[in-house]
PDB file of all heavy atoms in Angstrom:
ATOM      1  N   VAL A   1       4.358  14.012  -3.684  1.00  0.00           N
ATOM      2  CA  VAL A   1       5.019  12.711  -3.632  1.00  0.00           C
ATOM      3  C   VAL A   1       5.008  12.248  -2.179  1.00  0.00           C
ATOM      4  O   VAL A   1       5.408  12.983  -1.285  1.00  0.00           O
ATOM      5  CB  VAL A   1       6.477  12.796  -4.147  1.00  0.00           C
ATOM      6  CG1 VAL A   1       7.167  11.444  -4.036  1.00  0.00           C
ATOM      7  CG2 VAL A   1       6.503  13.296  -5.587  1.00  0.00           C
ATOM      8  N   ARG A   2       4.531  11.039  -1.955  1.00  0.00           N
ATOM      9  CA  ARG A   2       4.569  10.479  -0.598  1.00  0.00           C
ATOM     10  C   ARG A   2       5.349   9.179  -0.617  1.00  0.00           C
ATOM     11  O   ARG A   2       5.250   8.382  -1.540  1.00  0.00           O
ATOM     12  CB  ARG A   2       3.178  10.295  -0.010  1.00  0.00           C
ATOM     13  CG  ARG A   2       2.328   9.256  -0.686  1.00  0.00           C
ATOM     14  CD  ARG A   2       0.982   9.124  -0.009  1.00  0.00           C
ATOM     15  NE  ARG A   2       0.139   8.222  -0.768  1.00  0.00           N
ATOM     16  CZ  ARG A   2      -0.996   7.752  -0.336  1.00  0.00           C
ATOM     17  NH1 ARG A   2      -1.458   8.114   0.846  1.00  0.00           N
ATOM     18  NH2 ARG A   2      -1.702   6.934  -1.079  1.00  0.00           N
ATOM     19  N   ILE A   3       6.141   9.018   0.425  1.00  0.00           N
ATOM     20  CA  ILE A   3       6.980   7.830   0.601  1.00  0.00           C
ATOM     21  C   ILE A   3       6.349   6.997   1.710  1.00  0.00           C
ATOM     22  O   ILE A   3       6.087   7.498   2.800  1.00  0.00           O
ATOM     23  CB  ILE A   3       8.414   8.219   1.022  1.00  0.00           C
ATOM     24  CG1 ILE A   3       9.013   9.298   0.129  1.00  0.00           C
ATOM     25  CG2 ILE A   3       9.300   6.980   1.125  1.00  0.00           C
ATOM     26  CD1 ILE A   3       9.272   8.881  -1.275  1.00  0.00           C
ATOM     27  N   ILE A   4       6.134   5.718   1.436  1.00  0.00           N
ATOM     28  CA  ILE A   4       5.533   4.827   2.424  1.00  0.00           C
ATOM     29  C   ILE A   4       6.476   3.654   2.634  1.00  0.00           C
ATOM     30  O   ILE A   4       6.899   3.000   1.681  1.00  0.00           O
ATOM     31  CB  ILE A   4       4.150   4.329   1.948  1.00  0.00           C
ATOM     32  CG1 ILE A   4       3.219   5.524   1.740  1.00  0.00           C
ATOM     33  CG2 ILE A   4       3.565   3.340   2.935  1.00  0.00           C
ATOM     34  CD1 ILE A   4       1.914   5.187   1.097  1.00  0.00           C
ATOM     35  N   ARG A   5       6.818   3.413   3.878  1.00  0.00           N
ATOM     36  CA  ARG A   5       7.651   2.257   4.244  1.00  0.00           C
ATOM     37  C   ARG A   5       6.753   1.220   4.906  1.00  0.00           C
ATOM     38  O   ARG A   5       6.127   1.491   5.934  1.00  0.00           O
ATOM     39  CB  ARG A   5       8.759   2.667   5.217  1.00  0.00           C
ATOM     40  CG  ARG A   5       9.689   3.725   4.685  1.00  0.00           C
ATOM     41  CD  ARG A   5      10.623   3.162   3.662  1.00  0.00           C
ATOM     42  NE  ARG A   5      11.566   4.202   3.237  1.00  0.00           N
ATOM     43  CZ  ARG A   5      12.302   4.107   2.178  1.00  0.00           C
ATOM     44  NH1 ARG A   5      12.257   3.022   1.443  1.00  0.00           N
ATOM     45  NH2 ARG A   5      13.105   5.084   1.833  1.00  0.00           N
ATOM     46  N   LEU A   6       6.692   0.041   4.318  1.00  0.00           N
ATOM     47  CA  LEU A   6       5.857  -1.036   4.831  1.00  0.00           C
ATOM     48  C   LEU A   6       6.713  -2.258   5.141  1.00  0.00           C
ATOM     49  O   LEU A   6       7.765  -2.458   4.532  1.00  0.00           O
ATOM     50  CB  LEU A   6       4.786  -1.419   3.806  1.00  0.00           C
ATOM     51  CG  LEU A   6       3.799  -0.313   3.408  1.00  0.00           C
ATOM     52  CD1 LEU A   6       2.928  -0.784   2.253  1.00  0.00           C
ATOM     53  CD2 LEU A   6       2.945   0.083   4.586  1.00  0.00           C
ATOM     54  N   ALA A   7       6.220  -3.083   6.041  1.00  0.00           N
ATOM     55  CA  ALA A   7       6.913  -4.319   6.378  1.00  0.00           C
ATOM     56  C   ALA A   7       6.865  -5.277   5.185  1.00  0.00           C
ATOM     57  O   ALA A   7       5.878  -5.326   4.454  1.00  0.00           O
ATOM     58  CB  ALA A   7       6.250  -4.975   7.591  1.00  0.00           C
ATOM     59  N   GLN A   8       7.938  -6.005   4.991  1.00  0.00           N
ATOM     60  CA  GLN A   8       7.980  -6.996   3.913  1.00  0.00           C
ATOM     61  C   GLN A   8       7.282  -8.268   4.378  1.00  0.00           C
ATOM     62  O   GLN A   8       7.245  -8.583   5.557  1.00  0.00           O
ATOM     63  CB  GLN A   8       9.434  -7.307   3.535  1.00  0.00           C
ATOM     64  CG  GLN A   8      10.220  -6.110   3.064  1.00  0.00           C
ATOM     65  CD  GLN A   8       9.769  -5.592   1.708  1.00  0.00           C
ATOM     66  OE1 GLN A   8       9.294  -6.347   0.874  1.00  0.00           O
ATOM     67  NE2 GLN A   8       9.919  -4.300   1.496  1.00  0.00           N
ATOM     68  N   ASN A   9       6.722  -9.010   3.424  1.00  0.00           N
ATOM     69  CA  ASN A   9       6.074 -10.304   3.697  1.00  0.00           C
ATOM     70  C   ASN A   9       4.964 -10.209   4.719  1.00  0.00           C
ATOM     71  O   ASN A   9       4.859 -11.020   5.635  1.00  0.00           O
ATOM     72  CB  ASN A   9       7.103 -11.351   4.146  1.00  0.00           C
ATOM     73  CG  ASN A   9       8.146 -11.599   3.091  1.00  0.00           C
ATOM     74  OD1 ASN A   9       7.845 -11.629   1.906  1.00  0.00           O
ATOM     75  ND2 ASN A   9       9.387 -11.740   3.518  1.00  0.00           N
ATOM     76  N   SER A  10       4.103  -9.217   4.591  1.00  0.00           N
ATOM     77  CA  SER A  10       2.998  -9.043   5.526  1.00  0.00           C
ATOM     78  C   SER A  10       1.682  -8.983   4.759  1.00  0.00           C
ATOM     79  O   SER A  10       1.591  -8.338   3.714  1.00  0.00           O
ATOM     80  CB  SER A  10       3.191  -7.746   6.328  1.00  0.00           C
ATOM     81  OG  SER A  10       2.025  -7.412   7.017  1.00  0.00           O
ATOM     82  N   GLU A  11       0.668  -9.631   5.285  1.00  0.00           N
ATOM     83  CA  GLU A  11      -0.660  -9.601   4.668  1.00  0.00           C
ATOM     84  C   GLU A  11      -1.216  -8.178   4.679  1.00  0.00           C
ATOM     85  O   GLU A  11      -1.850  -7.740   3.724  1.00  0.00           O
ATOM     86  CB  GLU A  11      -1.609 -10.547   5.415  1.00  0.00           C
ATOM     87  CG  GLU A  11      -2.978 -10.633   4.805  1.00  0.00           C
ATOM     88  CD  GLU A  11      -2.990 -11.263   3.423  1.00  0.00           C
ATOM     89  OE1 GLU A  11      -2.145 -12.119   3.149  1.00  0.00           O
ATOM     90  OE2 GLU A  11      -3.864 -10.880   2.615  1.00  0.00           O
ATOM     91  N   ALA A  12      -0.947  -7.432   5.728  1.00  0.00           N
ATOM     92  CA  ALA A  12      -1.412  -6.040   5.809  1.00  0.00           C
ATOM     93  C   ALA A  12      -0.755  -5.192   4.719  1.00  0.00           C
ATOM     94  O   ALA A  12      -1.390  -4.299   4.150  1.00  0.00           O
ATOM     95  CB  ALA A  12      -1.113  -5.464   7.187  1.00  0.00           C
ATOM     96  N   THR A  13       0.506  -5.467   4.404  1.00  0.00           N
ATOM     97  CA  THR A  13       1.208  -4.741   3.342  1.00  0.00           C
ATOM     98  C   THR A  13       0.539  -4.998   1.998  1.00  0.00           C
ATOM     99  O   THR A  13       0.306  -4.074   1.223  1.00  0.00           O
ATOM    100  CB  THR A  13       2.684  -5.168   3.301  1.00  0.00           C
ATOM    101  OG1 THR A  13       3.296  -4.797   4.529  1.00  0.00           O
ATOM    102  CG2 THR A  13       3.415  -4.534   2.142  1.00  0.00           C
ATOM    103  N   THR A  14       0.217  -6.237   1.718  1.00  0.00           N
ATOM    104  CA  THR A  14      -0.441  -6.594   0.469  1.00  0.00           C
ATOM    105  C   THR A  14      -1.789  -5.885   0.351  1.00  0.00           C
ATOM    106  O   THR A  14      -2.116  -5.335  -0.702  1.00  0.00           O
ATOM    107  CB  THR A  14      -0.626  -8.121   0.371  1.00  0.00           C
ATOM    108  OG1 THR A  14       0.654  -8.748   0.516  1.00  0.00           O
ATOM    109  CG2 THR A  14      -1.234  -8.526  -0.946  1.00  0.00           C
ATOM    110  N   ARG A  15      -2.563  -5.865   1.433  1.00  0.00           N
ATOM    111  CA  ARG A  15      -3.863  -5.183   1.421  1.00  0.00           C
ATOM    112  C   ARG A  15      -3.685  -3.682   1.225  1.00  0.00           C
ATOM    113  O   ARG A  15      -4.453  -3.044   0.501  1.00  0.00           O
ATOM    114  CB  ARG A  15      -4.628  -5.460   2.710  1.00  0.00           C
ATOM    115  CG  ARG A  15      -5.228  -6.852   2.770  1.00  0.00           C
ATOM    116  CD  ARG A  15      -6.242  -6.983   3.894  1.00  0.00           C
ATOM    117  NE  ARG A  15      -5.741  -6.535   5.186  1.00  0.00           N
ATOM    118  CZ  ARG A  15      -5.133  -7.312   6.083  1.00  0.00           C
ATOM    119  NH1 ARG A  15      -4.948  -8.590   5.834  1.00  0.00           N
ATOM    120  NH2 ARG A  15      -4.715  -6.815   7.232  1.00  0.00           N
ATOM    121  N   TYR A  16      -2.674  -3.088   1.844  1.00  0.00           N
ATOM    122  CA  TYR A  16      -2.434  -1.657   1.715  1.00  0.00           C
ATOM    123  C   TYR A  16      -2.053  -1.286   0.276  1.00  0.00           C
ATOM    124  O   TYR A  16      -2.549  -0.296  -0.264  1.00  0.00           O
ATOM    125  CB  TYR A  16      -1.341  -1.203   2.681  1.00  0.00           C
ATOM    126  CG  TYR A  16      -1.219   0.297   2.744  1.00  0.00           C
ATOM    127  CD1 TYR A  16      -2.034   1.036   3.596  1.00  0.00           C
ATOM    128  CD2 TYR A  16      -0.316   0.977   1.927  1.00  0.00           C
ATOM    129  CE1 TYR A  16      -1.942   2.416   3.635  1.00  0.00           C
ATOM    130  CE2 TYR A  16      -0.227   2.352   1.964  1.00  0.00           C
ATOM    131  CZ  TYR A  16      -1.034   3.070   2.825  1.00  0.00           C
ATOM    132  OH  TYR A  16      -0.949   4.432   2.849  1.00  0.00           O
ATOM    133  N   ILE A  17      -1.204  -2.086  -0.344  1.00  0.00           N
ATOM    134  CA  ILE A  17      -0.827  -1.834  -1.735  1.00  0.00           C
ATOM    135  C   ILE A  17      -2.065  -1.908  -2.626  1.00  0.00           C
ATOM    136  O   ILE A  17      -2.274  -1.069  -3.506  1.00  0.00           O
ATOM    137  CB  ILE A  17       0.260  -2.819  -2.209  1.00  0.00           C
ATOM    138  CG1 ILE A  17       1.572  -2.576  -1.449  1.00  0.00           C
ATOM    139  CG2 ILE A  17       0.476  -2.723  -3.713  1.00  0.00           C
ATOM    140  CD1 ILE A  17       2.617  -3.644  -1.668  1.00  0.00           C
ATOM    141  N   GLN A  18      -2.907  -2.903  -2.390  1.00  0.00           N
ATOM    142  CA  GLN A  18      -4.122  -3.049  -3.193  1.00  0.00           C
ATOM    143  C   GLN A  18      -5.020  -1.822  -3.038  1.00  0.00           C
ATOM    144  O   GLN A  18      -5.548  -1.310  -4.019  1.00  0.00           O
ATOM    145  CB  GLN A  18      -4.874  -4.312  -2.801  1.00  0.00           C
ATOM    146  CG  GLN A  18      -6.119  -4.524  -3.640  1.00  0.00           C
ATOM    147  CD  GLN A  18      -6.699  -5.898  -3.499  1.00  0.00           C
ATOM    148  OE1 GLN A  18      -6.025  -6.826  -3.058  1.00  0.00           O
ATOM    149  NE2 GLN A  18      -7.950  -6.045  -3.868  1.00  0.00           N
ATOM    150  N   ARG A  19      -5.192  -1.327  -1.819  1.00  0.00           N
ATOM    151  CA  ARG A  19      -6.005  -0.125  -1.608  1.00  0.00           C
ATOM    152  C   ARG A  19      -5.404   1.075  -2.334  1.00  0.00           C
ATOM    153  O   ARG A  19      -6.116   1.888  -2.917  1.00  0.00           O
ATOM    154  CB  ARG A  19      -6.150   0.182  -0.115  1.00  0.00           C
ATOM    155  CG  ARG A  19      -7.220  -0.635   0.562  1.00  0.00           C
ATOM    156  CD  ARG A  19      -7.606  -0.035   1.895  1.00  0.00           C
ATOM    157  NE  ARG A  19      -6.473   0.215   2.767  1.00  0.00           N
ATOM    158  CZ  ARG A  19      -6.117  -0.544   3.786  1.00  0.00           C
ATOM    159  NH1 ARG A  19      -6.809  -1.612   4.087  1.00  0.00           N
ATOM    160  NH2 ARG A  19      -5.077  -0.232   4.522  1.00  0.00           N
ATOM    161  N   CYS A  20      -4.075   1.214  -2.291  1.00  0.00           N
ATOM    162  CA  CYS A  20      -3.410   2.350  -2.956  1.00  0.00           C
ATOM    163  C   CYS A  20      -3.676   2.374  -4.446  1.00  0.00           C
ATOM    164  O   CYS A  20      -3.900   3.434  -5.017  1.00  0.00           O
ATOM    165  CB  CYS A  20      -1.911   2.314  -2.707  1.00  0.00           C
ATOM    166  SG  CYS A  20      -1.411   2.949  -1.109  1.00  0.00           S
ATOM    167  N   VAL A  21      -3.644   1.223  -5.092  1.00  0.00           N
ATOM    168  CA  VAL A  21      -3.803   1.208  -6.548  1.00  0.00           C
ATOM    169  C   VAL A  21      -5.269   1.268  -6.975  1.00  0.00           C
ATOM    170  O   VAL A  21      -5.549   1.561  -8.132  1.00  0.00           O
ATOM    171  CB  VAL A  21      -3.103  -0.009  -7.206  1.00  0.00           C
ATOM    172  CG1 VAL A  21      -1.615   0.037  -6.983  1.00  0.00           C
ATOM    173  CG2 VAL A  21      -3.694  -1.311  -6.754  1.00  0.00           C
ATOM    174  N   GLN A  22      -6.201   1.026  -6.056  1.00  0.00           N
ATOM    175  CA  GLN A  22      -7.605   0.999  -6.441  1.00  0.00           C
ATOM    176  C   GLN A  22      -8.431   2.165  -5.906  1.00  0.00           C
ATOM    177  O   GLN A  22      -9.533   2.387  -6.394  1.00  0.00           O
ATOM    178  CB  GLN A  22      -8.254  -0.311  -5.984  1.00  0.00           C
ATOM    179  CG  GLN A  22      -7.773  -1.501  -6.769  1.00  0.00           C
ATOM    180  CD  GLN A  22      -8.479  -2.763  -6.372  1.00  0.00           C
ATOM    181  OE1 GLN A  22      -8.725  -3.010  -5.198  1.00  0.00           O
ATOM    182  NE2 GLN A  22      -8.820  -3.573  -7.361  1.00  0.00           N
ATOM    183  N   ASN A  23      -7.938   2.938  -4.941  1.00  0.00           N
ATOM    184  CA  ASN A  23      -8.803   3.942  -4.314  1.00  0.00           C
ATOM    185  C   ASN A  23      -8.913   5.251  -5.079  1.00  0.00           C
ATOM    186  O   ASN A  23      -9.695   6.118  -4.714  1.00  0.00           O
ATOM    187  CB  ASN A  23      -8.380   4.200  -2.868  1.00  0.00           C
ATOM    188  CG  ASN A  23      -7.032   4.863  -2.737  1.00  0.00           C
ATOM    189  OD1 ASN A  23      -6.461   5.349  -3.695  1.00  0.00           O
ATOM    190  ND2 ASN A  23      -6.519   4.871  -1.523  1.00  0.00           N
ATOM    191  N   GLY A  24      -8.127   5.455  -6.142  1.00  0.00           N
ATOM    192  CA  GLY A  24      -8.243   6.656  -6.944  1.00  0.00           C
ATOM    193  C   GLY A  24      -7.608   7.900  -6.348  1.00  0.00           C
ATOM    194  O   GLY A  24      -7.761   8.988  -6.889  1.00  0.00           O
ATOM    195  N   LYS A  25      -6.869   7.777  -5.252  1.00  0.00           N
ATOM    196  CA  LYS A  25      -6.226   8.936  -4.633  1.00  0.00           C
ATOM    197  C   LYS A  25      -4.820   9.170  -5.145  1.00  0.00           C
ATOM    198  O   LYS A  25      -4.232  10.207  -4.886  1.00  0.00           O
ATOM    199  CB  LYS A  25      -6.207   8.773  -3.112  1.00  0.00           C
ATOM    200  CG  LYS A  25      -7.595   8.786  -2.516  1.00  0.00           C
ATOM    201  CD  LYS A  25      -7.563   8.636  -1.026  1.00  0.00           C
ATOM    202  CE  LYS A  25      -8.980   8.640  -0.469  1.00  0.00           C
ATOM    203  NZ  LYS A  25      -9.003   8.466   0.973  1.00  0.00           N
ATOM    204  N   SER A  26      -4.276   8.204  -5.866  1.00  0.00           N
ATOM    205  CA  SER A  26      -2.930   8.326  -6.436  1.00  0.00           C
ATOM    206  C   SER A  26      -3.027   8.228  -7.949  1.00  0.00           C
ATOM    207  O   SER A  26      -3.762   7.396  -8.477  1.00  0.00           O
ATOM    208  CB  SER A  26      -2.020   7.211  -5.924  1.00  0.00           C
ATOM    209  OG  SER A  26      -1.850   7.298  -4.536  1.00  0.00           O
TER     210      SER A  26
END
């Protein structure tokens, strides 16, 4: 289990979430 804290309302946050759900590592 990994906990990730990201800034709210950030374009980088949106891109990071997209990578997390599509990269197959989770």
